[in-house]
Amino acid sequence: MLRQAFRIEPDATHPAGSPIMTNISNSKKVENMDIKEILEYLPHRYPFLLIDRVLNYTPGKSLVALKNVTFNENFFQGHFPNRPLMPAVLILEAMAQTAGLLVLRNIDKRPTEKSEYYFAGIDKARFRRPVEPGDQLIFYAEFSRMTRGIWKVDVTAKVDDKLVASAELMGVFRSMEK
């Protein structure tokens, strides 16, 4: 059911000419994306690229991504030496990268010198449990809506199917030309 102009629901019927549907109708279901494909869509590089693989992408709906958390991550040196934990802000950054991948893959846009996808806001962020070396973070991103060019994506992070964090994230694709 189409609730708002760009609300996406499973089995929804979209009005002809909807900007989001135009892109979706030409998309194929992508089961996964490797790191090479992720690098095409995200401008982040080591040590700030926090997504290792996309496990599943459903055009116009959702994306599932993975981050293998290893003791070799540079942030574990100081956070915290006696009990290494992944900083919550980096969990949130990985969630934002997952949301960005969902949007950019859906509209089939790659960042260029003249355009970029910007993180625009966070609502309802909650952190439920710590993430430690050896954990495998799975991120679930699902479209919520798009209003005036601002995408809203619901993202959760889980380890062993237990909720680690959740948030509503917003982003916008903009030209950097002056």
N, C-alpha and C. Protein backbone atom coordinates (compact mmCIF):
# COMPACT_ATOMS: atom_id res chain seq x y z
N MET A 1 0.84 -1.17 0.00
CA MET A 1 0.00 0.00 0.00
C MET A 1 0.89 1.23 0.00
N LEU A 2 0.57 2.19 -0.82
CA LEU A 2 1.35 3.41 -0.93
C LEU A 2 0.78 4.43 0.05
N ARG A 3 1.51 4.69 1.13
CA ARG A 3 1.02 5.58 2.17
C ARG A 3 1.30 7.03 1.85
N GLN A 4 2.54 7.34 1.49
CA GLN A 4 2.92 8.68 1.09
C GLN A 4 3.51 8.58 -0.30
N ALA A 5 3.88 9.70 -0.85
CA ALA A 5 4.36 9.72 -2.23
C ALA A 5 5.47 8.71 -2.47
N PHE A 6 6.35 8.50 -1.50
CA PHE A 6 7.47 7.60 -1.72
C PHE A 6 7.56 6.52 -0.66
N ARG A 7 6.46 6.23 -0.02
CA ARG A 7 6.44 5.17 0.98
C ARG A 7 6.56 3.83 0.26
N ILE A 8 7.42 2.97 0.76
CA ILE A 8 7.63 1.68 0.11
C ILE A 8 7.20 0.58 1.07
N GLU A 9 6.28 -0.24 0.64
CA GLU A 9 5.77 -1.35 1.42
C GLU A 9 5.95 -2.63 0.61
N PRO A 10 6.07 -3.78 1.24
CA PRO A 10 6.12 -5.02 0.48
C PRO A 10 4.84 -5.18 -0.36
N ASP A 11 4.99 -5.68 -1.56
CA ASP A 11 3.87 -5.91 -2.48
C ASP A 11 3.08 -4.64 -2.78
N ALA A 12 3.74 -3.49 -2.70
CA ALA A 12 3.05 -2.23 -2.97
C ALA A 12 2.85 -2.04 -4.47
N THR A 13 1.80 -1.35 -4.83
CA THR A 13 1.61 -0.94 -6.22
C THR A 13 1.92 0.54 -6.27
N HIS A 14 2.77 0.91 -7.17
CA HIS A 14 3.25 2.28 -7.26
C HIS A 14 2.62 2.98 -8.45
N PRO A 15 2.29 4.27 -8.29
CA PRO A 15 1.72 5.01 -9.42
C PRO A 15 2.75 5.14 -10.54
N ALA A 16 2.30 5.14 -11.75
CA ALA A 16 3.20 5.29 -12.90
C ALA A 16 3.92 6.61 -12.81
N GLY A 17 5.18 6.58 -13.16
CA GLY A 17 5.98 7.80 -13.18
C GLY A 17 6.58 8.17 -11.85
N SER A 18 6.36 7.41 -10.80
CA SER A 18 6.97 7.70 -9.51
C SER A 18 8.47 7.64 -9.67
N PRO A 19 9.22 8.68 -9.24
CA PRO A 19 10.67 8.70 -9.43
C PRO A 19 11.37 7.47 -8.86
N ILE A 20 10.92 7.01 -7.71
CA ILE A 20 11.57 5.86 -7.11
C ILE A 20 11.26 4.59 -7.91
N MET A 21 10.04 4.49 -8.41
CA MET A 21 9.64 3.30 -9.17
C MET A 21 10.36 3.24 -10.50
N THR A 22 10.62 4.37 -11.09
CA THR A 22 11.34 4.38 -12.36
C THR A 22 12.67 3.66 -12.22
N ASN A 23 13.38 3.93 -11.14
CA ASN A 23 14.67 3.28 -10.92
C ASN A 23 14.50 1.82 -10.52
N ILE A 24 13.50 1.53 -9.71
CA ILE A 24 13.30 0.17 -9.25
C ILE A 24 12.92 -0.75 -10.40
N SER A 25 12.06 -0.28 -11.28
CA SER A 25 11.56 -1.14 -12.35
C SER A 25 12.67 -1.60 -13.28
N ASN A 26 13.77 -0.85 -13.33
CA ASN A 26 14.89 -1.24 -14.19
C ASN A 26 15.95 -2.02 -13.43
N SER A 27 15.75 -2.26 -12.13
CA SER A 27 16.75 -2.93 -11.31
C SER A 27 16.52 -4.43 -11.28
N LYS A 28 17.61 -5.14 -11.12
CA LYS A 28 17.54 -6.58 -10.92
C LYS A 28 17.79 -6.84 -9.45
N LYS A 29 17.26 -7.94 -8.95
CA LYS A 29 17.56 -8.31 -7.57
C LYS A 29 19.02 -8.73 -7.51
N VAL A 30 19.72 -8.15 -6.57
CA VAL A 30 21.13 -8.46 -6.37
C VAL A 30 21.24 -9.23 -5.07
N GLU A 31 21.71 -10.44 -5.13
CA GLU A 31 21.81 -11.25 -3.92
C GLU A 31 22.87 -10.70 -2.97
N ASN A 32 24.00 -10.24 -3.51
CA ASN A 32 25.04 -9.72 -2.64
C ASN A 32 25.94 -8.78 -3.43
N MET A 33 26.78 -8.08 -2.70
CA MET A 33 27.78 -7.19 -3.30
C MET A 33 29.09 -7.46 -2.57
N ASP A 34 30.16 -7.62 -3.32
CA ASP A 34 31.46 -7.80 -2.68
C ASP A 34 32.08 -6.43 -2.41
N ILE A 35 33.26 -6.44 -1.82
CA ILE A 35 33.91 -5.20 -1.43
C ILE A 35 34.20 -4.30 -2.63
N LYS A 36 34.51 -4.88 -3.78
CA LYS A 36 34.78 -4.07 -4.98
C LYS A 36 33.55 -3.27 -5.38
N GLU A 37 32.38 -3.90 -5.33
CA GLU A 37 31.14 -3.19 -5.67
C GLU A 37 30.79 -2.15 -4.61
N ILE A 38 31.03 -2.47 -3.35
CA ILE A 38 30.76 -1.50 -2.27
C ILE A 38 31.61 -0.25 -2.48
N LEU A 39 32.87 -0.44 -2.86
CA LEU A 39 33.77 0.70 -3.09
C LEU A 39 33.31 1.58 -4.25
N GLU A 40 32.52 1.03 -5.17
CA GLU A 40 31.97 1.84 -6.26
C GLU A 40 30.91 2.81 -5.76
N TYR A 41 30.20 2.44 -4.71
CA TYR A 41 29.09 3.25 -4.22
C TYR A 41 29.45 4.14 -3.03
N LEU A 42 30.35 3.68 -2.17
CA LEU A 42 30.72 4.46 -0.99
C LEU A 42 32.08 5.12 -1.18
N PRO A 43 32.21 6.38 -0.77
CA PRO A 43 33.50 7.05 -0.89
C PRO A 43 34.47 6.69 0.23
N HIS A 44 34.01 6.00 1.25
CA HIS A 44 34.84 5.67 2.41
C HIS A 44 35.94 4.68 2.03
N ARG A 45 37.07 4.82 2.69
CA ARG A 45 38.20 3.91 2.50
C ARG A 45 38.78 3.58 3.88
N TYR A 46 39.69 2.60 3.91
CA TYR A 46 40.34 2.22 5.16
C TYR A 46 40.93 3.45 5.81
N PRO A 47 40.79 3.60 7.11
CA PRO A 47 40.17 2.70 8.08
C PRO A 47 38.70 3.00 8.35
N PHE A 48 38.06 3.80 7.50
CA PHE A 48 36.70 4.23 7.81
C PHE A 48 35.62 3.50 7.03
N LEU A 49 35.97 2.61 6.12
CA LEU A 49 34.95 1.79 5.47
C LEU A 49 34.59 0.67 6.45
N LEU A 50 33.35 0.65 6.88
CA LEU A 50 32.94 -0.26 7.95
C LEU A 50 31.98 -1.35 7.48
N ILE A 51 31.84 -1.52 6.19
CA ILE A 51 31.00 -2.59 5.63
C ILE A 51 31.90 -3.52 4.83
N ASP A 52 31.83 -4.82 5.13
CA ASP A 52 32.66 -5.80 4.42
C ASP A 52 31.94 -6.44 3.23
N ARG A 53 30.62 -6.59 3.34
CA ARG A 53 29.90 -7.31 2.30
C ARG A 53 28.41 -6.99 2.40
N VAL A 54 27.75 -7.00 1.27
CA VAL A 54 26.29 -6.92 1.24
C VAL A 54 25.78 -8.34 1.00
N LEU A 55 24.97 -8.82 1.93
CA LEU A 55 24.47 -10.19 1.85
C LEU A 55 23.22 -10.29 0.99
N ASN A 56 22.42 -9.23 0.98
CA ASN A 56 21.18 -9.26 0.22
C ASN A 56 20.71 -7.84 -0.06
N TYR A 57 20.25 -7.64 -1.26
CA TYR A 57 19.67 -6.35 -1.65
C TYR A 57 18.39 -6.62 -2.42
N THR A 58 17.31 -5.99 -1.99
CA THR A 58 16.04 -6.07 -2.69
C THR A 58 15.69 -4.67 -3.15
N PRO A 59 15.69 -4.43 -4.47
CA PRO A 59 15.44 -3.08 -4.99
C PRO A 59 14.16 -2.46 -4.43
N GLY A 60 14.30 -1.21 -4.01
CA GLY A 60 13.15 -0.47 -3.50
C GLY A 60 12.70 -0.85 -2.12
N LYS A 61 13.41 -1.78 -1.48
CA LYS A 61 12.95 -2.26 -0.19
C LYS A 61 14.03 -2.30 0.88
N SER A 62 15.05 -3.14 0.69
CA SER A 62 15.95 -3.38 1.81
C SER A 62 17.34 -3.82 1.36
N LEU A 63 18.25 -3.78 2.33
CA LEU A 63 19.63 -4.22 2.11
C LEU A 63 20.14 -4.79 3.43
N VAL A 64 20.86 -5.90 3.35
CA VAL A 64 21.46 -6.53 4.53
C VAL A 64 22.97 -6.54 4.31
N ALA A 65 23.72 -5.99 5.27
CA ALA A 65 25.17 -5.89 5.15
C ALA A 65 25.86 -6.52 6.36
N LEU A 66 27.15 -6.77 6.20
CA LEU A 66 27.93 -7.46 7.23
C LEU A 66 29.22 -6.73 7.54
N LYS A 67 29.60 -6.75 8.81
CA LYS A 67 30.89 -6.22 9.26
C LYS A 67 31.50 -7.26 10.19
N ASN A 68 32.65 -7.80 9.81
CA ASN A 68 33.39 -8.70 10.70
C ASN A 68 34.24 -7.84 11.62
N VAL A 69 33.99 -7.96 12.91
CA VAL A 69 34.70 -7.15 13.90
C VAL A 69 35.87 -7.96 14.42
N THR A 70 37.09 -7.51 14.14
CA THR A 70 38.27 -8.25 14.58
C THR A 70 39.07 -7.43 15.59
N PHE A 71 39.88 -8.13 16.36
CA PHE A 71 40.72 -7.46 17.35
C PHE A 71 41.74 -6.53 16.69
N ASN A 72 41.98 -6.72 15.40
CA ASN A 72 42.94 -5.87 14.67
C ASN A 72 42.41 -4.49 14.35
N GLU A 73 41.13 -4.20 14.61
CA GLU A 73 40.58 -2.87 14.36
C GLU A 73 41.35 -1.86 15.22
N ASN A 74 41.73 -0.74 14.60
CA ASN A 74 42.57 0.23 15.32
C ASN A 74 41.89 0.85 16.53
N PHE A 75 40.58 0.95 16.55
CA PHE A 75 39.89 1.58 17.67
C PHE A 75 39.95 0.76 18.95
N PHE A 76 40.21 -0.54 18.86
CA PHE A 76 40.28 -1.36 20.06
C PHE A 76 41.50 -1.04 20.93
N GLN A 77 42.51 -0.41 20.37
CA GLN A 77 43.71 -0.06 21.14
C GLN A 77 43.37 0.86 22.31
N GLY A 78 42.42 1.76 22.11
CA GLY A 78 42.12 2.71 23.17
C GLY A 78 40.69 2.65 23.68
N HIS A 79 39.88 1.75 23.16
CA HIS A 79 38.46 1.71 23.54
C HIS A 79 38.05 0.29 23.85
N PHE A 80 38.25 -0.25 24.87
CA PHE A 80 39.03 0.11 26.05
C PHE A 80 40.10 -0.95 26.22
N PRO A 81 41.29 -0.58 26.67
CA PRO A 81 42.39 -1.55 26.73
C PRO A 81 42.07 -2.82 27.53
N ASN A 82 41.34 -2.69 28.64
CA ASN A 82 41.03 -3.87 29.47
C ASN A 82 39.76 -4.60 29.06
N ARG A 83 38.92 -3.95 28.29
CA ARG A 83 37.72 -4.59 27.74
C ARG A 83 37.40 -3.93 26.40
N PRO A 84 37.98 -4.45 25.33
CA PRO A 84 37.79 -3.82 24.02
C PRO A 84 36.33 -3.88 23.56
N LEU A 85 35.79 -2.70 23.23
CA LEU A 85 34.43 -2.57 22.72
C LEU A 85 34.44 -1.69 21.48
N MET A 86 33.61 -2.03 20.51
CA MET A 86 33.47 -1.17 19.34
C MET A 86 32.71 0.08 19.77
N PRO A 87 33.26 1.27 19.51
CA PRO A 87 32.56 2.50 19.90
C PRO A 87 31.18 2.59 19.25
N ALA A 88 30.20 3.01 20.04
CA ALA A 88 28.82 3.11 19.54
C ALA A 88 28.74 4.04 18.33
N VAL A 89 29.53 5.09 18.33
CA VAL A 89 29.50 6.02 17.20
C VAL A 89 29.94 5.34 15.90
N LEU A 90 30.83 4.35 15.99
CA LEU A 90 31.25 3.61 14.79
C LEU A 90 30.20 2.59 14.36
N ILE A 91 29.46 2.05 15.32
CA ILE A 91 28.33 1.19 14.97
C ILE A 91 27.31 2.02 14.19
N LEU A 92 27.05 3.22 14.68
CA LEU A 92 26.12 4.13 14.00
C LEU A 92 26.64 4.52 12.62
N GLU A 93 27.94 4.75 12.50
CA GLU A 93 28.54 5.07 11.19
C GLU A 93 28.36 3.90 10.22
N ALA A 94 28.57 2.68 10.69
CA ALA A 94 28.37 1.51 9.83
C ALA A 94 26.90 1.39 9.41
N MET A 95 25.99 1.73 10.32
CA MET A 95 24.57 1.73 9.98
C MET A 95 24.29 2.78 8.91
N ALA A 96 24.91 3.96 9.03
CA ALA A 96 24.74 5.02 8.04
C ALA A 96 25.31 4.59 6.68
N GLN A 97 26.44 3.90 6.68
CA GLN A 97 27.00 3.40 5.43
C GLN A 97 26.07 2.38 4.79
N THR A 98 25.43 1.55 5.61
CA THR A 98 24.46 0.58 5.09
C THR A 98 23.27 1.30 4.46
N ALA A 99 22.76 2.32 5.15
CA ALA A 99 21.65 3.11 4.60
C ALA A 99 22.06 3.78 3.30
N GLY A 100 23.27 4.33 3.27
CA GLY A 100 23.78 4.97 2.06
C GLY A 100 23.87 3.99 0.90
N LEU A 101 24.34 2.79 1.17
CA LEU A 101 24.40 1.76 0.12
C LEU A 101 23.01 1.43 -0.41
N LEU A 102 22.04 1.32 0.48
CA LEU A 102 20.68 1.02 0.05
C LEU A 102 20.16 2.10 -0.89
N VAL A 103 20.31 3.36 -0.49
CA VAL A 103 19.81 4.46 -1.32
C VAL A 103 20.57 4.55 -2.64
N LEU A 104 21.90 4.56 -2.56
CA LEU A 104 22.71 4.73 -3.78
C LEU A 104 22.53 3.58 -4.75
N ARG A 105 22.44 2.37 -4.24
CA ARG A 105 22.23 1.21 -5.12
C ARG A 105 20.84 1.29 -5.76
N ASN A 106 19.87 1.75 -4.97
CA ASN A 106 18.50 1.84 -5.47
C ASN A 106 18.36 2.86 -6.59
N ILE A 107 19.00 4.02 -6.45
CA ILE A 107 18.90 5.04 -7.49
C ILE A 107 20.02 4.90 -8.51
N ASP A 108 20.86 3.88 -8.31
CA ASP A 108 21.99 3.57 -9.18
C ASP A 108 22.87 4.80 -9.41
N LYS A 109 23.24 5.44 -8.32
CA LYS A 109 24.14 6.60 -8.37
C LYS A 109 25.41 6.26 -7.61
N ARG A 110 26.51 6.69 -8.19
CA ARG A 110 27.81 6.54 -7.53
C ARG A 110 28.35 7.93 -7.25
N PRO A 111 28.97 8.11 -6.08
CA PRO A 111 29.55 9.42 -5.79
C PRO A 111 30.60 9.79 -6.84
N THR A 112 30.62 11.06 -7.20
CA THR A 112 31.61 11.58 -8.15
C THR A 112 32.23 12.83 -7.55
N GLU A 113 33.11 13.46 -8.29
CA GLU A 113 33.70 14.71 -7.83
C GLU A 113 32.64 15.81 -7.76
N LYS A 114 31.52 15.63 -8.44
CA LYS A 114 30.50 16.67 -8.51
C LYS A 114 29.23 16.34 -7.73
N SER A 115 29.15 15.14 -7.14
CA SER A 115 27.96 14.78 -6.38
C SER A 115 28.32 13.81 -5.26
N GLU A 116 27.50 13.81 -4.23
CA GLU A 116 27.78 12.99 -3.06
C GLU A 116 26.47 12.71 -2.32
N TYR A 117 26.44 11.60 -1.59
CA TYR A 117 25.32 11.27 -0.72
C TYR A 117 25.73 11.69 0.68
N TYR A 118 24.94 12.58 1.28
CA TYR A 118 25.27 13.12 2.60
C TYR A 118 24.37 12.53 3.67
N PHE A 119 24.98 12.23 4.80
CA PHE A 119 24.26 11.82 6.00
C PHE A 119 23.60 13.08 6.53
N ALA A 120 22.26 13.06 6.71
CA ALA A 120 21.53 14.28 7.06
C ALA A 120 20.93 14.30 8.46
N GLY A 121 20.79 13.15 9.10
CA GLY A 121 20.20 13.18 10.43
C GLY A 121 19.98 11.81 11.03
N ILE A 122 19.74 11.82 12.34
CA ILE A 122 19.51 10.60 13.11
C ILE A 122 18.30 10.84 14.01
N ASP A 123 17.39 9.90 14.03
CA ASP A 123 16.28 9.91 14.98
C ASP A 123 16.23 8.55 15.67
N LYS A 124 15.79 8.56 16.91
CA LYS A 124 15.51 7.34 17.67
C LYS A 124 16.68 6.37 17.74
N ALA A 125 17.90 6.87 17.86
CA ALA A 125 19.06 5.97 17.98
C ALA A 125 19.08 5.35 19.38
N ARG A 126 19.25 4.04 19.41
CA ARG A 126 19.32 3.30 20.67
C ARG A 126 20.41 2.25 20.56
N PHE A 127 21.15 2.08 21.65
CA PHE A 127 22.20 1.07 21.72
C PHE A 127 21.83 0.10 22.83
N ARG A 128 21.81 -1.18 22.51
CA ARG A 128 21.28 -2.19 23.43
C ARG A 128 22.35 -3.08 24.07
N ARG A 129 23.42 -3.35 23.35
CA ARG A 129 24.44 -4.26 23.88
C ARG A 129 25.78 -3.95 23.24
N PRO A 130 26.87 -4.33 23.90
CA PRO A 130 28.20 -4.04 23.35
C PRO A 130 28.57 -4.96 22.19
N VAL A 131 29.52 -4.48 21.39
CA VAL A 131 30.08 -5.27 20.29
C VAL A 131 31.56 -5.46 20.60
N GLU A 132 32.00 -6.71 20.57
CA GLU A 132 33.36 -7.07 20.97
C GLU A 132 34.12 -7.71 19.81
N PRO A 133 35.45 -7.79 19.94
CA PRO A 133 36.23 -8.47 18.90
C PRO A 133 35.70 -9.90 18.71
N GLY A 134 35.62 -10.31 17.45
CA GLY A 134 35.11 -11.64 17.12
C GLY A 134 33.64 -11.65 16.74
N ASP A 135 32.94 -10.56 17.04
CA ASP A 135 31.52 -10.48 16.68
C ASP A 135 31.36 -10.25 15.18
N GLN A 136 30.24 -10.68 14.67
CA GLN A 136 29.88 -10.40 13.29
C GLN A 136 28.60 -9.56 13.33
N LEU A 137 28.75 -8.30 12.95
CA LEU A 137 27.62 -7.37 12.93
C LEU A 137 26.85 -7.53 11.63
N ILE A 138 25.55 -7.68 11.74
CA ILE A 138 24.68 -7.74 10.57
C ILE A 138 23.77 -6.51 10.64
N PHE A 139 23.75 -5.76 9.55
CA PHE A 139 22.95 -4.53 9.47
C PHE A 139 21.77 -4.77 8.54
N TYR A 140 20.59 -4.37 8.99
CA TYR A 140 19.36 -4.49 8.21
C TYR A 140 18.83 -3.09 7.95
N ALA A 141 18.81 -2.68 6.69
CA ALA A 141 18.32 -1.35 6.31
C ALA A 141 17.06 -1.51 5.48
N GLU A 142 16.04 -0.72 5.81
CA GLU A 142 14.77 -0.79 5.08
C GLU A 142 14.27 0.63 4.82
N PHE A 143 13.85 0.88 3.57
CA PHE A 143 13.32 2.19 3.24
C PHE A 143 12.12 2.50 4.12
N SER A 144 12.05 3.75 4.57
CA SER A 144 10.89 4.22 5.30
C SER A 144 10.10 5.17 4.40
N ARG A 145 10.79 6.23 3.92
CA ARG A 145 10.13 7.17 3.00
C ARG A 145 11.15 8.11 2.39
N MET A 146 10.68 8.87 1.40
CA MET A 146 11.50 9.91 0.78
C MET A 146 10.61 11.13 0.64
N THR A 147 11.06 12.24 1.20
CA THR A 147 10.32 13.49 1.15
C THR A 147 11.26 14.61 0.77
N ARG A 148 10.92 15.36 -0.26
CA ARG A 148 11.71 16.51 -0.72
C ARG A 148 13.19 16.15 -0.89
N GLY A 149 13.45 14.99 -1.44
CA GLY A 149 14.82 14.58 -1.71
C GLY A 149 15.57 14.02 -0.53
N ILE A 150 14.92 13.94 0.63
CA ILE A 150 15.57 13.38 1.83
C ILE A 150 15.04 11.96 2.03
N TRP A 151 15.98 11.02 2.03
CA TRP A 151 15.64 9.61 2.23
C TRP A 151 15.65 9.30 3.71
N LYS A 152 14.67 8.54 4.17
CA LYS A 152 14.65 8.07 5.55
C LYS A 152 14.71 6.55 5.52
N VAL A 153 15.65 6.00 6.27
CA VAL A 153 15.90 4.55 6.26
C VAL A 153 15.94 4.05 7.70
N ASP A 154 15.20 2.99 7.99
CA ASP A 154 15.25 2.34 9.30
C ASP A 154 16.36 1.30 9.26
N VAL A 155 17.27 1.38 10.24
CA VAL A 155 18.41 0.46 10.26
C VAL A 155 18.53 -0.17 11.65
N THR A 156 18.77 -1.48 11.67
CA THR A 156 19.08 -2.17 12.91
C THR A 156 20.41 -2.89 12.74
N ALA A 157 21.09 -3.09 13.86
CA ALA A 157 22.34 -3.85 13.88
C ALA A 157 22.17 -4.99 14.87
N LYS A 158 22.60 -6.18 14.46
CA LYS A 158 22.47 -7.36 15.32
C LYS A 158 23.76 -8.16 15.35
N VAL A 159 23.98 -8.83 16.47
CA VAL A 159 25.05 -9.82 16.61
C VAL A 159 24.38 -11.09 17.12
N ASP A 160 24.62 -12.20 16.46
CA ASP A 160 23.99 -13.47 16.83
C ASP A 160 22.47 -13.32 16.96
N ASP A 161 21.88 -12.57 16.05
CA ASP A 161 20.44 -12.32 16.01
C ASP A 161 19.91 -11.57 17.23
N LYS A 162 20.80 -10.95 18.00
CA LYS A 162 20.40 -10.13 19.15
C LYS A 162 20.61 -8.67 18.78
N LEU A 163 19.62 -7.84 19.09
CA LEU A 163 19.66 -6.43 18.74
C LEU A 163 20.79 -5.71 19.46
N VAL A 164 21.62 -5.03 18.69
CA VAL A 164 22.73 -4.23 19.22
C VAL A 164 22.35 -2.75 19.19
N ALA A 165 21.79 -2.30 18.07
CA ALA A 165 21.45 -0.88 17.91
C ALA A 165 20.35 -0.73 16.87
N SER A 166 19.65 0.40 16.97
CA SER A 166 18.63 0.73 15.97
C SER A 166 18.56 2.24 15.84
N ALA A 167 18.15 2.70 14.66
CA ALA A 167 18.02 4.14 14.42
C ALA A 167 17.26 4.38 13.14
N GLU A 168 16.68 5.57 13.04
CA GLU A 168 16.12 6.07 11.79
C GLU A 168 17.15 7.06 11.25
N LEU A 169 17.66 6.80 10.06
CA LEU A 169 18.72 7.63 9.49
C LEU A 169 18.22 8.35 8.25
N MET A 170 18.71 9.56 8.05
CA MET A 170 18.32 10.35 6.90
C MET A 170 19.53 10.72 6.08
N GLY A 171 19.34 10.80 4.77
CA GLY A 171 20.42 11.18 3.87
C GLY A 171 19.86 11.86 2.64
N VAL A 172 20.75 12.55 1.94
CA VAL A 172 20.35 13.28 0.74
C VAL A 172 21.47 13.21 -0.29
N PHE A 173 21.11 13.05 -1.56
CA PHE A 173 22.07 13.03 -2.66
C PHE A 173 22.11 14.44 -3.23
N ARG A 174 23.29 15.06 -3.22
CA ARG A 174 23.42 16.45 -3.65
C ARG A 174 24.57 16.66 -4.62
N SER A 175 24.38 17.64 -5.46
CA SER A 175 25.44 18.09 -6.35
C SER A 175 26.35 19.01 -5.56
N MET A 176 27.66 18.93 -5.81
CA MET A 176 28.61 19.79 -5.10
C MET A 176 29.02 20.98 -5.95
N GLU A 177 28.36 21.17 -7.09
CA GLU A 177 28.67 22.31 -7.95
C GLU A 177 28.15 23.59 -7.31
N LYS A 178 28.91 24.67 -7.48
CA LYS A 178 28.51 25.95 -6.88
C LYS A 178 27.84 26.84 -7.87
